[in-house]
Amino acid sequence: DAPAALYVSECGANGKGGVTLRHLLTHTAGFPWACGIMRGKPWRESVADNRARIYAAPLEAGWVPGQRAGYHPTSAHTVLGAVVEAVDGRTYDRYVREEIFEPLGMIDSWVGMPAERFDAYGERIGQMQNTAPEGAQGLVGIDTRDVAPLAVPGANGRGPMHELRRLYEMFVGEGARDGVRILEPVTVAALSARPRVGLVDETFGIELHWGLGLAIDTSIMGGHSSTRAFGHGGAQSSAAYCDPEFGLAVAVVCNGMPGGERHSPRMDAIATALYEDLGRARGRGRTKPYPTTGI
């Protein structure tokens, strides 16, 4: 509940002094598009330039932090990344690598992949395809040697999906996996609680429950998930989540981005089939609303 500006003073510019870490984590801060992601800015500029633009942005008109919700694609987590650096002293990409990925054995996972590692992986680097129009078209400008090294919190994470599953196995283990503790159980409980309820997400156009950085019981988790399931989706491509009630951790990716109208039902169908194949189906399952945008 501390203001972000307590750690990084620039975060409080232009009316953002009351924005707390909780507001950032629950996407209620009030500057969802400050990152310029719809114009491709995070992929063309340095981390410093991206931060400067977000720090300078005002709150959206009429937005009181905590009282409205709208998914912030990268702006909120860019500020959170700066807070991590201010508190810890390491760069965000190094912190995530040393404190989370390496202890969990996620040796091929990165947020900000060094260019030399990008080169060494060669054909292991997946190439996203735009499949919304007729025929698949390569997504230009994302899966490249120039973009891969950018440490963009909330985006640009790369690695095998079986490694991402390890992160959610840690959540199922209440903060530990294979004897390695990353978080305390009380922290996992806080992450997966519901501090944001009853608000329509103005980015997605539906009411979503949100934990501290993670979505709770959404359509990407299928119709049979328990109400305790939590996780996150990637832009028209992937989903990773866990369901503590069933001891289940899931990470799945499709390399075609078909548009939001097709992607959300696809993820729902995959997750629903997974529960059914594991013998964890609950009758016909619950119907959950789909986002109305293609983000």
Protein backbone atom coordinates (compact mmCIF):
# COMPACT_ATOMS: atom_id res chain seq x y z
CA ASP A 1 0.00 0.00 0.00
CA ALA A 2 3.04 2.30 -0.16
CA PRO A 3 3.14 4.86 -3.00
CA ALA A 4 5.45 3.87 -5.84
CA ALA A 5 6.95 7.35 -5.60
CA LEU A 6 8.31 6.46 -2.16
CA TYR A 7 10.84 4.24 -3.96
CA VAL A 8 11.17 6.03 -7.32
CA SER A 9 10.27 9.71 -6.99
CA GLU A 10 9.72 10.17 -10.73
CA CYS A 11 6.75 7.79 -10.54
CA GLY A 12 4.71 10.45 -8.78
CA ALA A 13 4.80 13.02 -11.58
CA ASN A 14 1.64 14.55 -13.08
CA GLY A 15 -0.84 13.51 -10.42
CA LYS A 16 0.45 9.97 -9.81
CA GLY A 17 1.74 10.57 -6.28
CA GLY A 18 -1.10 8.53 -4.77
CA VAL A 19 -0.53 5.48 -6.99
CA THR A 20 0.43 2.56 -4.75
CA LEU A 21 2.12 -0.76 -5.47
CA ARG A 22 -1.29 -2.40 -4.98
CA HIS A 23 -2.82 -0.15 -7.67
CA LEU A 24 -0.04 -1.14 -10.07
CA LEU A 25 -0.41 -4.85 -9.35
CA THR A 26 -4.20 -4.79 -9.72
CA HIS A 27 -4.24 -2.64 -12.89
CA THR A 28 -6.17 0.15 -11.20
CA ALA A 29 -3.39 2.77 -11.34
CA GLY A 30 -4.87 4.93 -14.11
CA PHE A 31 -2.31 5.13 -16.94
CA PRO A 32 -2.86 1.91 -18.93
CA TRP A 33 -1.58 3.16 -22.29
CA ALA A 34 1.34 5.30 -21.15
CA CYS A 35 3.73 2.63 -22.41
CA GLY A 36 2.75 3.32 -26.02
CA ILE A 37 2.56 -0.39 -26.71
CA MET A 38 -0.16 -0.02 -29.36
CA ARG A 39 2.31 2.12 -31.34
CA GLY A 40 5.16 -0.33 -30.79
CA LYS A 41 7.19 2.07 -28.66
CA PRO A 42 8.48 -0.43 -26.04
CA TRP A 43 10.05 -2.45 -28.85
CA ARG A 44 11.84 0.50 -30.46
CA GLU A 45 13.20 2.45 -27.52
CA SER A 46 15.52 1.86 -24.59
CA VAL A 47 14.32 0.87 -21.12
CA ALA A 48 15.25 4.39 -19.92
CA ASP A 49 13.16 6.02 -22.66
CA ASN A 50 10.18 3.79 -21.91
CA ARG A 51 10.37 4.61 -18.21
CA ALA A 52 10.68 8.34 -18.84
CA ARG A 53 7.56 8.36 -21.01
CA ILE A 54 5.55 6.42 -18.41
CA TYR A 55 6.75 8.60 -15.53
CA ALA A 56 5.71 11.74 -17.43
CA ALA A 57 2.23 10.47 -18.31
CA PRO A 58 -0.77 11.89 -16.44
CA LEU A 59 -3.64 9.84 -15.07
CA GLU A 60 -6.45 9.28 -17.53
CA ALA A 61 -9.23 11.86 -17.21
CA GLY A 62 -11.51 11.16 -14.26
CA TRP A 63 -9.46 8.19 -13.05
CA VAL A 64 -9.08 7.85 -9.29
CA PRO A 65 -6.51 5.11 -8.57
CA GLY A 66 -8.17 2.06 -7.09
CA GLN A 67 -11.68 3.03 -8.20
CA ARG A 68 -11.46 2.04 -11.87
CA ALA A 69 -9.77 -0.92 -13.55
CA GLY A 70 -8.18 -1.37 -16.94
CA TYR A 71 -5.41 -3.78 -17.87
CA HIS A 72 -2.11 -1.89 -18.18
CA PRO A 73 -0.22 -3.93 -20.85
CA THR A 74 3.26 -2.89 -19.69
CA SER A 75 3.10 0.54 -18.05
CA ALA A 76 2.29 -0.56 -14.49
CA HIS A 77 4.85 -3.35 -14.47
CA THR A 78 7.52 -1.08 -15.92
CA VAL A 79 7.09 1.08 -12.82
CA LEU A 80 7.13 -2.02 -10.60
CA GLY A 81 10.36 -3.13 -12.26
CA ALA A 82 11.93 0.23 -11.42
CA VAL A 83 10.80 -0.21 -7.80
CA VAL A 84 12.47 -3.65 -7.68
CA GLU A 85 15.71 -2.08 -8.89
CA ALA A 86 15.48 0.76 -6.36
CA VAL A 87 14.95 -1.65 -3.46
CA ASP A 88 17.35 -4.42 -4.50
CA GLY A 89 20.07 -2.63 -6.45
CA ARG A 90 20.22 -5.14 -9.31
CA THR A 91 18.69 -4.52 -12.71
CA TYR A 92 15.23 -6.03 -13.16
CA ASP A 93 16.33 -8.65 -15.68
CA ARG A 94 19.20 -9.76 -13.43
CA TYR A 95 16.97 -9.88 -10.36
CA VAL A 96 14.36 -12.09 -12.06
CA ARG A 97 17.04 -14.35 -13.48
CA GLU A 98 18.97 -14.78 -10.20
CA GLU A 99 16.10 -14.84 -7.69
CA ILE A 100 13.43 -16.76 -9.61
CA PHE A 101 14.50 -18.46 -12.82
CA GLU A 102 17.83 -19.97 -11.80
CA PRO A 103 16.67 -21.30 -8.38
CA LEU A 104 13.70 -22.98 -10.10
CA GLY A 105 15.89 -24.53 -12.80
CA MET A 106 14.42 -22.26 -15.49
CA ILE A 107 17.81 -22.00 -17.15
CA ASP A 108 16.50 -21.07 -20.60
CA SER A 109 14.04 -18.43 -19.34
CA TRP A 110 14.66 -14.69 -19.60
CA VAL A 111 13.01 -11.30 -19.36
CA GLY A 112 15.51 -9.53 -21.56
CA MET A 113 17.42 -12.29 -23.37
CA PRO A 114 21.04 -11.34 -24.16
CA ALA A 115 21.69 -11.06 -27.88
CA GLU A 116 24.40 -13.71 -27.74
CA ARG A 117 21.96 -16.15 -26.13
CA PHE A 118 19.39 -15.33 -28.81
CA ASP A 119 22.00 -16.24 -31.43
CA ALA A 120 22.98 -19.45 -29.64
CA TYR A 121 19.39 -20.69 -29.37
CA GLY A 122 19.04 -20.50 -33.15
CA GLU A 123 15.96 -22.38 -34.34
CA ARG A 124 14.77 -22.86 -30.75
CA ILE A 125 13.49 -19.26 -30.85
CA GLY A 126 9.78 -19.48 -31.61
CA GLN A 127 8.36 -17.22 -34.27
CA MET A 128 4.88 -15.85 -33.66
CA GLN A 129 2.47 -15.74 -36.58
CA ASN A 130 -0.45 -13.42 -37.26
CA THR A 131 -3.24 -15.81 -38.26
CA ALA A 132 -6.13 -13.33 -38.05
CA PRO A 133 -6.08 -12.72 -41.83
CA GLU A 134 -6.24 -15.56 -44.31
CA GLY A 135 -3.01 -17.50 -44.10
CA ALA A 136 -0.23 -17.14 -41.52
CA GLN A 137 1.99 -14.07 -41.64
CA GLY A 138 5.13 -13.63 -39.57
CA LEU A 139 4.76 -11.09 -36.78
CA VAL A 140 7.27 -8.44 -37.75
CA GLY A 141 9.64 -6.87 -35.24
CA ILE A 142 9.10 -8.93 -32.07
CA ASP A 143 11.11 -12.14 -32.38
CA THR A 144 14.36 -10.46 -33.32
CA ARG A 145 17.90 -10.10 -32.00
CA ASP A 146 17.32 -6.39 -31.41
CA VAL A 147 14.14 -6.76 -29.38
CA ALA A 148 14.96 -9.88 -27.35
CA PRO A 149 17.42 -8.13 -24.97
CA LEU A 150 14.92 -5.46 -23.88
CA ALA A 151 13.96 -6.04 -20.24
CA VAL A 152 10.31 -4.97 -20.44
CA PRO A 153 8.50 -5.95 -17.23
CA GLY A 154 5.08 -7.29 -18.18
CA ALA A 155 6.30 -8.36 -21.62
CA ASN A 156 9.21 -9.89 -23.57
CA GLY A 157 9.57 -12.97 -21.41
CA ARG A 158 11.06 -15.87 -23.36
CA GLY A 159 11.69 -19.50 -22.57
CA PRO A 160 10.29 -23.03 -22.92
CA MET A 161 6.75 -23.51 -21.68
CA HIS A 162 7.77 -26.51 -19.55
CA GLU A 163 9.99 -24.10 -17.61
CA LEU A 164 7.19 -21.59 -17.15
CA ARG A 165 5.16 -24.43 -15.68
CA ARG A 166 7.80 -24.70 -12.94
CA LEU A 167 6.88 -21.21 -11.76
CA TYR A 168 3.27 -22.29 -11.28
CA GLU A 169 4.33 -25.54 -9.64
CA MET A 170 6.07 -23.30 -7.11
CA PHE A 171 2.75 -21.51 -6.52
CA VAL A 172 1.00 -24.86 -6.04
CA GLY A 173 3.72 -25.69 -3.51
CA GLU A 174 2.85 -22.52 -1.59
CA GLY A 175 6.10 -20.86 -2.59
CA ALA A 176 8.43 -23.85 -2.87
CA ARG A 177 9.34 -26.43 -5.52
CA ASP A 178 11.67 -29.39 -5.07
CA GLY A 179 12.93 -28.02 -1.77
CA VAL A 180 13.69 -24.56 -3.16
CA ARG A 181 11.66 -21.79 -1.50
CA ILE A 182 11.00 -18.67 -3.57
CA LEU A 183 8.11 -17.16 -1.57
CA GLU A 184 6.57 -17.57 1.85
CA PRO A 185 3.14 -19.27 1.92
CA VAL A 186 1.51 -16.07 3.18
CA THR A 187 2.88 -14.22 0.13
CA VAL A 188 1.38 -16.76 -2.28
CA ALA A 189 -1.93 -16.44 -0.42
CA ALA A 190 -1.80 -12.66 -0.85
CA LEU A 191 -0.94 -12.92 -4.57
CA SER A 192 -3.89 -15.21 -5.22
CA ALA A 193 -6.47 -13.42 -3.08
CA ARG A 194 -9.00 -11.04 -4.65
CA PRO A 195 -8.19 -7.44 -3.78
CA ARG A 196 -9.94 -6.34 -6.99
CA VAL A 197 -13.54 -7.45 -7.42
CA GLY A 198 -16.69 -5.87 -8.81
CA LEU A 199 -14.92 -3.67 -11.36
CA VAL A 200 -15.32 -3.87 -15.12
CA ASP A 201 -11.92 -3.98 -16.77
CA GLU A 202 -12.06 -1.10 -19.23
CA THR A 203 -9.38 -2.64 -21.44
CA PHE A 204 -11.05 -6.05 -21.79
CA GLY A 205 -14.67 -4.90 -21.47
CA ILE A 206 -15.68 -7.48 -18.84
CA GLU A 207 -15.61 -7.80 -15.08
CA LEU A 208 -12.45 -9.59 -13.98
CA HIS A 209 -11.22 -10.53 -10.53
CA TRP A 210 -7.56 -9.74 -10.03
CA GLY A 211 -4.98 -10.71 -7.46
CA LEU A 212 -1.63 -9.00 -6.94
CA GLY A 213 -0.36 -9.27 -10.50
CA LEU A 214 -2.38 -12.35 -11.44
CA ALA A 215 -5.89 -12.93 -12.79
CA ILE A 216 -8.28 -15.13 -10.82
CA ASP A 217 -10.53 -17.83 -12.34
CA THR A 218 -10.84 -16.51 -15.91
CA SER A 219 -11.85 -18.10 -19.22
CA ILE A 220 -8.24 -19.07 -20.09
CA MET A 221 -8.54 -21.59 -17.23
CA GLY A 222 -11.54 -23.32 -18.76
CA GLY A 223 -14.95 -24.21 -17.46
CA HIS A 224 -13.89 -26.78 -14.87
CA SER A 225 -11.28 -24.85 -12.92
CA SER A 226 -11.87 -24.15 -9.26
CA THR A 227 -12.53 -20.61 -8.07
CA ARG A 228 -9.02 -20.66 -6.58
CA ALA A 229 -7.28 -20.95 -9.96
CA PHE A 230 -4.98 -18.05 -10.83
CA GLY A 231 -2.49 -17.12 -13.52
CA HIS A 232 -1.99 -14.96 -16.60
CA GLY A 233 -2.36 -15.02 -20.35
CA GLY A 234 -0.08 -13.81 -23.12
CA ALA A 235 -1.26 -11.66 -26.01
CA GLN A 236 -3.43 -13.93 -28.20
CA SER A 237 -0.94 -16.74 -27.74
CA SER A 238 -0.45 -18.35 -24.36
CA ALA A 239 -1.74 -19.08 -20.89
CA ALA A 240 -0.12 -20.19 -17.65
CA TYR A 241 -1.96 -20.82 -14.42
CA CYS A 242 -2.34 -23.11 -11.48
CA ASP A 243 -5.29 -24.59 -9.66
CA PRO A 244 -4.29 -25.31 -6.04
CA GLU A 245 -7.49 -27.26 -5.40
CA PHE A 246 -6.37 -29.90 -7.91
CA GLY A 247 -2.60 -29.52 -7.50
CA LEU A 248 -2.48 -28.56 -11.17
CA ALA A 249 0.02 -26.32 -13.00
CA VAL A 250 -0.45 -25.51 -16.69
CA ALA A 251 1.53 -23.67 -19.34
CA VAL A 252 0.44 -23.70 -22.97
CA VAL A 253 1.34 -21.67 -26.04
CA CYS A 254 -0.01 -21.45 -29.59
CA ASN A 255 2.21 -19.74 -32.13
CA GLY A 256 -0.64 -18.26 -34.15
CA MET A 257 -2.37 -15.04 -33.04
CA PRO A 258 -5.88 -15.38 -34.52
CA GLY A 259 -7.57 -12.28 -33.09
CA GLY A 260 -9.33 -11.99 -29.75
CA GLU A 261 -12.63 -13.37 -31.01
CA ARG A 262 -10.96 -16.70 -31.82
CA HIS A 263 -8.19 -16.77 -29.24
CA SER A 264 -10.28 -16.65 -26.07
CA PRO A 265 -12.56 -19.57 -27.05
CA ARG A 266 -9.44 -21.51 -28.11
CA MET A 267 -7.80 -21.15 -24.69
CA ASP A 268 -11.09 -21.99 -22.96
CA ALA A 269 -11.45 -25.15 -25.06
CA ILE A 270 -7.86 -26.27 -24.41
CA ALA A 271 -8.17 -25.77 -20.65
CA THR A 272 -11.60 -27.40 -20.48
CA ALA A 273 -10.34 -30.47 -22.40
CA LEU A 274 -7.32 -30.69 -20.10
CA TYR A 275 -9.50 -30.98 -16.99
CA GLU A 276 -11.70 -33.54 -18.73
CA ASP A 277 -8.72 -35.65 -19.84
CA LEU A 278 -7.38 -35.62 -16.27
CA GLY A 279 -10.72 -36.72 -14.88
CA ARG A 280 -11.23 -33.39 -13.11
CA ALA A 281 -14.34 -32.25 -14.98
CA ARG A 282 -17.25 -30.79 -13.01
CA GLY A 283 -20.43 -31.56 -14.90
CA ARG A 284 -20.78 -29.27 -17.90
CA GLY A 285 -18.48 -26.67 -16.37
CA ARG A 286 -19.03 -22.98 -15.80
CA THR A 287 -19.39 -20.36 -18.52
CA LYS A 288 -16.97 -17.47 -18.10
CA PRO A 289 -17.10 -14.24 -20.14
CA TYR A 290 -14.59 -13.63 -22.90
CA PRO A 291 -12.71 -10.33 -23.29
CA THR A 292 -14.24 -8.09 -25.92
CA THR A 293 -10.88 -6.86 -27.28
CA GLY A 294 -8.07 -8.60 -29.12
CA ILE A 295 -5.29 -7.66 -26.72
